Amino acid sequence: MKVLLVTGSSRGIGAEICRLAATRGWAVCVNYARSASEARAVVRTIEDGGGVAMACQADIARESQVIEMFRRIDHELGPVTGLINNAGINGGGVRVDDIEPAEIEQLFRVNVFGAMYCAKHAVRRMARRHGGNGGRIVNISSAASRHGGPGYTDYAASKAALDTFTVGLAKEQAEEGIRVNCLRPGASMTELSVVYAQDHPEWLDWVMEQVPLGRPGEVREIANAALFLLSGKASYITGAVLDASGGWVSP
């Protein structure tokens, strides 16, 4: 069975990836930190459509919880063969000279350390040297890693770390049968983005000036790109960074 873990997937892009993956034969673990009811709703949607899914609470910034999550997946679905590191937080949206140390530490614990912990324990199940049959990892970065995310420079820096981690991990694990790629969405209309745009219409106007296609992305479009990188259609792609940002890729 193809078993997929999507971190931070109770809503938004992660939830859409789970729903779409289930229609393509993946048994899915819907990971969440706090949104239990939303995660269970994603699972119900998948099960109502005939798919296989489970919800699992874990704060990926804590390796002990990551270890327990993987154990639960092993028991309920089987060893992970696909991982999408989607969980992330965007920081406080403040200038660098106003950032508090605790905010930086938490941002990197979730966005970078959490992705690395999950990759570590996925590799221990996928790699040939550990008795696995290979696998696929997709790290969800952000166009901010290219344009710097003014006002969110801490967030942009954390996503740039994921870009580099992707390339190194891909080279390290190629001989183990593991493909590792990175997906960089731009402005996407998740539930949170829709609400934010309603309250701050000037933000959406500013974003549209940066995007050659002239519109934000839809979550289904980002999910389709992620599933492509997971699929056999991307069998000769590893260490790549795919921009799904409507052309918003330059500084």
Protein backbone atom coordinates (compact mmCIF):
# COMPACT_ATOMS: atom_id res chain seq x y z
CA MET A 1 0.00 0.00 0.00
CA LYS A 2 1.16 3.54 -0.77
CA VAL A 3 1.17 5.42 2.54
CA LEU A 4 1.44 9.20 2.58
CA LEU A 5 2.03 11.52 5.52
CA VAL A 6 1.13 15.17 4.95
CA THR A 7 2.14 17.39 7.85
CA GLY A 8 -0.03 20.34 8.82
CA SER A 9 -2.89 19.06 6.70
CA SER A 10 -6.09 19.81 8.58
CA ARG A 11 -6.84 22.70 6.21
CA GLY A 12 -5.55 24.70 3.27
CA ILE A 13 -3.05 23.26 0.82
CA GLY A 14 -2.26 20.28 3.05
CA ALA A 15 -5.89 19.23 3.32
CA GLU A 16 -6.36 19.49 -0.43
CA ILE A 17 -3.24 17.38 -1.01
CA CYS A 18 -4.69 14.71 1.29
CA ARG A 19 -8.04 14.67 -0.48
CA LEU A 20 -6.45 14.51 -3.91
CA ALA A 21 -3.87 11.88 -2.91
CA ALA A 22 -6.62 9.62 -1.59
CA THR A 23 -8.29 9.62 -5.02
CA ARG A 24 -4.99 8.42 -6.50
CA GLY A 25 -4.60 5.38 -4.31
CA TRP A 26 -2.68 6.73 -1.34
CA ALA A 27 -3.61 5.84 2.23
CA VAL A 28 -3.23 9.19 3.96
CA CYS A 29 -2.23 10.39 7.41
CA VAL A 30 -3.70 13.82 8.11
CA ASN A 31 -1.35 15.43 10.62
CA TYR A 32 -2.38 18.35 12.81
CA ALA A 33 -1.07 20.19 15.83
CA ARG A 34 -4.29 21.64 17.29
CA SER A 35 -7.14 21.50 14.73
CA ALA A 36 -8.55 18.08 15.62
CA SER A 37 -12.08 18.69 14.33
CA GLU A 38 -10.83 19.98 10.98
CA ALA A 39 -8.47 17.02 10.59
CA ARG A 40 -11.29 14.58 11.33
CA ALA A 41 -13.43 16.35 8.73
CA VAL A 42 -10.73 15.78 6.09
CA VAL A 43 -10.57 12.10 7.07
CA ARG A 44 -14.37 11.76 6.81
CA THR A 45 -14.35 13.29 3.33
CA ILE A 46 -11.70 10.82 2.21
CA GLU A 47 -13.49 7.84 3.75
CA ASP A 48 -16.84 8.93 2.29
CA GLY A 49 -15.15 8.80 -1.11
CA GLY A 50 -13.93 5.26 -0.51
CA GLY A 51 -10.39 6.19 0.51
CA VAL A 52 -8.26 5.26 3.51
CA ALA A 53 -7.15 7.90 5.99
CA MET A 54 -6.30 8.56 9.61
CA ALA A 55 -5.82 11.73 11.65
CA CYS A 56 -2.80 12.04 13.90
CA GLN A 57 -1.95 14.82 16.33
CA ALA A 58 1.73 15.70 16.59
CA ASP A 59 3.70 18.88 17.05
CA ILE A 60 6.42 18.25 14.47
CA ALA A 61 8.73 20.72 16.24
CA ARG A 62 9.16 18.03 18.92
CA GLU A 63 10.97 14.93 17.70
CA SER A 64 9.45 12.76 20.42
CA GLN A 65 6.00 13.49 18.99
CA VAL A 66 7.23 12.85 15.45
CA ILE A 67 8.53 9.43 16.55
CA GLU A 68 5.18 8.55 18.09
CA MET A 69 3.32 9.73 14.99
CA PHE A 70 5.37 7.47 12.74
CA ARG A 71 4.76 4.55 15.10
CA ARG A 72 1.02 5.12 14.88
CA ILE A 73 1.17 5.26 11.09
CA ASP A 74 3.20 2.02 11.02
CA HIS A 75 0.52 0.33 13.11
CA GLU A 76 -2.60 1.71 11.40
CA LEU A 77 -1.56 2.12 7.76
CA GLY A 78 1.91 0.64 7.31
CA PRO A 79 5.31 2.24 6.77
CA VAL A 80 5.33 5.66 5.11
CA THR A 81 6.32 5.59 1.43
CA GLY A 82 5.55 9.26 0.75
CA LEU A 83 6.07 12.39 2.84
CA ILE A 84 4.96 15.93 2.17
CA ASN A 85 6.48 18.42 4.60
CA ASN A 86 3.71 20.99 4.45
CA ALA A 87 3.41 22.21 8.06
CA GLY A 88 4.62 25.73 8.65
CA ILE A 89 3.99 29.01 10.40
CA ASN A 90 4.57 32.46 8.97
CA GLY A 91 5.98 34.28 11.98
CA GLY A 92 4.84 37.56 13.39
CA GLY A 93 5.13 39.71 10.28
CA VAL A 94 7.53 42.19 11.86
CA ARG A 95 10.75 43.87 10.84
CA VAL A 96 13.99 42.14 11.75
CA ASP A 97 14.88 44.83 14.29
CA ASP A 98 11.64 44.07 16.14
CA ILE A 99 11.82 40.26 16.15
CA GLU A 100 11.91 38.51 19.50
CA PRO A 101 14.31 35.56 19.86
CA ALA A 102 11.49 33.24 20.92
CA GLU A 103 9.60 34.02 17.70
CA ILE A 104 12.60 33.17 15.51
CA GLU A 105 13.25 29.97 17.41
CA GLN A 106 9.66 28.76 17.12
CA LEU A 107 9.52 29.61 13.42
CA PHE A 108 12.62 27.57 12.65
CA ARG A 109 11.58 24.75 14.99
CA VAL A 110 8.40 24.23 12.97
CA ASN A 111 9.43 25.19 9.44
CA VAL A 112 12.93 23.70 9.37
CA PHE A 113 13.59 21.38 12.30
CA GLY A 114 10.14 19.79 11.99
CA ALA A 115 10.66 19.05 8.31
CA MET A 116 14.06 17.55 9.05
CA TYR A 117 12.71 15.37 11.88
CA CYS A 118 9.95 14.05 9.63
CA ALA A 119 12.39 13.42 6.77
CA LYS A 120 14.70 11.57 9.19
CA HIS A 121 12.02 9.14 10.29
CA ALA A 122 10.57 8.76 6.80
CA VAL A 123 14.01 7.88 5.42
CA ARG A 124 14.40 5.23 8.13
CA ARG A 125 11.36 3.52 6.59
CA MET A 126 12.01 4.21 2.92
CA ALA A 127 15.76 3.75 2.46
CA ARG A 128 17.13 0.49 1.07
CA ARG A 129 19.83 0.42 3.74
CA HIS A 130 17.03 0.25 6.33
CA GLY A 131 15.12 -2.47 4.48
CA GLY A 132 12.78 -0.12 2.58
CA ASN A 133 11.90 -0.01 -1.09
CA GLY A 134 12.45 3.69 -1.68
CA GLY A 135 10.02 6.56 -1.46
CA ARG A 136 9.25 10.17 -2.26
CA ILE A 137 9.56 13.34 -0.24
CA VAL A 138 8.20 16.76 -1.20
CA ASN A 139 9.08 19.82 0.86
CA ILE A 140 6.64 22.74 0.61
CA SER A 141 8.66 25.94 0.46
CA SER A 142 7.47 29.38 -0.69
CA ALA A 143 8.10 31.95 -3.38
CA ALA A 144 9.20 34.11 -0.43
CA SER A 145 12.49 32.20 -0.42
CA ARG A 146 13.21 33.90 -3.75
CA HIS A 147 11.76 37.37 -3.25
CA GLY A 148 12.76 37.70 0.40
CA GLY A 149 9.33 38.25 1.92
CA PRO A 150 9.77 41.85 3.09
CA GLY A 151 8.13 42.08 6.49
CA TYR A 152 8.41 38.30 6.76
CA THR A 153 12.14 37.91 6.27
CA ASP A 154 12.37 35.32 9.04
CA TYR A 155 9.73 33.22 7.28
CA ALA A 156 11.47 33.65 3.92
CA ALA A 157 14.78 32.57 5.44
CA SER A 158 13.22 29.43 6.91
CA LYS A 159 11.79 28.50 3.52
CA ALA A 160 15.13 29.13 1.82
CA ALA A 161 16.59 26.62 4.27
CA LEU A 162 14.06 24.06 3.00
CA ASP A 163 15.17 24.73 -0.60
CA THR A 164 18.76 23.91 0.30
CA PHE A 165 17.79 20.95 2.48
CA THR A 166 15.90 19.50 -0.48
CA VAL A 167 18.94 19.55 -2.77
CA GLY A 168 21.26 18.01 -0.20
CA LEU A 169 18.81 15.33 0.89
CA ALA A 170 18.07 14.39 -2.72
CA LYS A 171 21.75 13.79 -3.43
CA GLU A 172 22.24 11.93 -0.16
CA GLN A 173 19.28 9.58 -0.62
CA ALA A 174 19.28 8.96 -4.38
CA GLU A 175 21.09 5.64 -4.03
CA GLU A 176 18.52 4.62 -1.42
CA GLY A 177 15.70 4.89 -3.94
CA ILE A 178 14.28 8.08 -2.46
CA ARG A 179 13.38 11.05 -4.62
CA VAL A 180 13.28 14.43 -2.84
CA ASN A 181 11.86 17.57 -4.43
CA CYS A 182 10.63 20.98 -3.37
CA LEU A 183 7.46 22.85 -4.31
CA ARG A 184 7.38 26.65 -3.99
CA PRO A 185 3.84 28.06 -4.00
CA GLY A 186 3.24 31.76 -4.33
CA ALA A 187 0.18 33.57 -3.00
CA SER A 188 -2.51 30.90 -2.72
CA MET A 189 -6.12 31.30 -1.68
CA THR A 190 -6.30 29.09 1.36
CA GLU A 191 -9.04 29.65 3.90
CA LEU A 192 -6.76 31.94 5.90
CA SER A 193 -5.71 33.89 2.81
CA VAL A 194 -9.32 34.47 1.78
CA VAL A 195 -10.16 35.93 5.18
CA TYR A 196 -6.97 38.01 5.26
CA ALA A 197 -7.65 39.39 1.78
CA GLN A 198 -11.17 40.39 2.81
CA ASP A 199 -9.80 42.31 5.79
CA HIS A 200 -6.77 43.69 3.91
CA PRO A 201 -7.74 44.20 0.24
CA GLU A 202 -4.59 46.26 -0.30
CA TRP A 203 -2.54 43.09 0.33
CA LEU A 204 -4.19 41.27 -2.54
CA ASP A 205 -3.73 44.29 -4.82
CA TRP A 206 -0.03 44.35 -3.95
CA VAL A 207 0.32 40.63 -4.59
CA MET A 208 -1.37 40.86 -7.97
CA GLU A 209 1.16 43.44 -9.08
CA GLN A 210 3.90 40.85 -8.52
CA VAL A 211 2.23 37.91 -10.30
CA PRO A 212 2.49 37.82 -14.10
CA LEU A 213 -0.58 35.55 -14.38
CA GLY A 214 -2.52 38.25 -12.56
CA ARG A 215 -4.23 36.10 -9.94
CA PRO A 216 -3.50 34.07 -6.82
CA GLY A 217 -3.24 30.30 -7.00
CA GLU A 218 -6.03 27.94 -6.01
CA VAL A 219 -5.27 25.22 -3.49
CA ARG A 220 -6.17 22.52 -6.05
CA GLU A 221 -3.49 23.88 -8.40
CA ILE A 222 -0.83 23.63 -5.71
CA ALA A 223 -2.03 20.16 -4.71
CA ASN A 224 -1.85 19.00 -8.33
CA ALA A 225 1.78 20.11 -8.51
CA ALA A 226 2.61 18.27 -5.28
CA LEU A 227 0.96 15.07 -6.51
CA PHE A 228 2.90 15.32 -9.76
CA LEU A 229 6.18 15.34 -7.83
CA LEU A 230 4.99 12.30 -5.87
CA SER A 231 3.91 10.42 -8.97
CA GLY A 232 5.70 8.11 -11.34
CA LYS A 233 5.44 10.83 -13.96
CA ALA A 234 8.25 12.57 -12.06
CA SER A 235 10.38 9.43 -11.87
CA TYR A 236 13.50 11.16 -13.22
CA ILE A 237 13.11 14.28 -11.11
CA THR A 238 14.96 14.68 -7.83
CA GLY A 239 16.63 17.63 -6.14
CA ALA A 240 14.38 19.96 -8.13
CA VAL A 241 12.58 23.08 -6.96
CA LEU A 242 9.28 23.63 -8.78
CA ASP A 243 7.76 27.10 -8.65
CA ALA A 244 3.96 27.17 -8.58
CA SER A 245 3.62 30.91 -8.18
CA GLY A 246 2.08 32.29 -11.34
CA GLY A 247 5.48 33.57 -12.41
CA TRP A 248 6.32 35.36 -9.15
CA VAL A 249 9.86 33.99 -8.93
CA SER A 250 12.23 36.92 -9.18
CA PRO A 251 13.40 39.34 -6.46
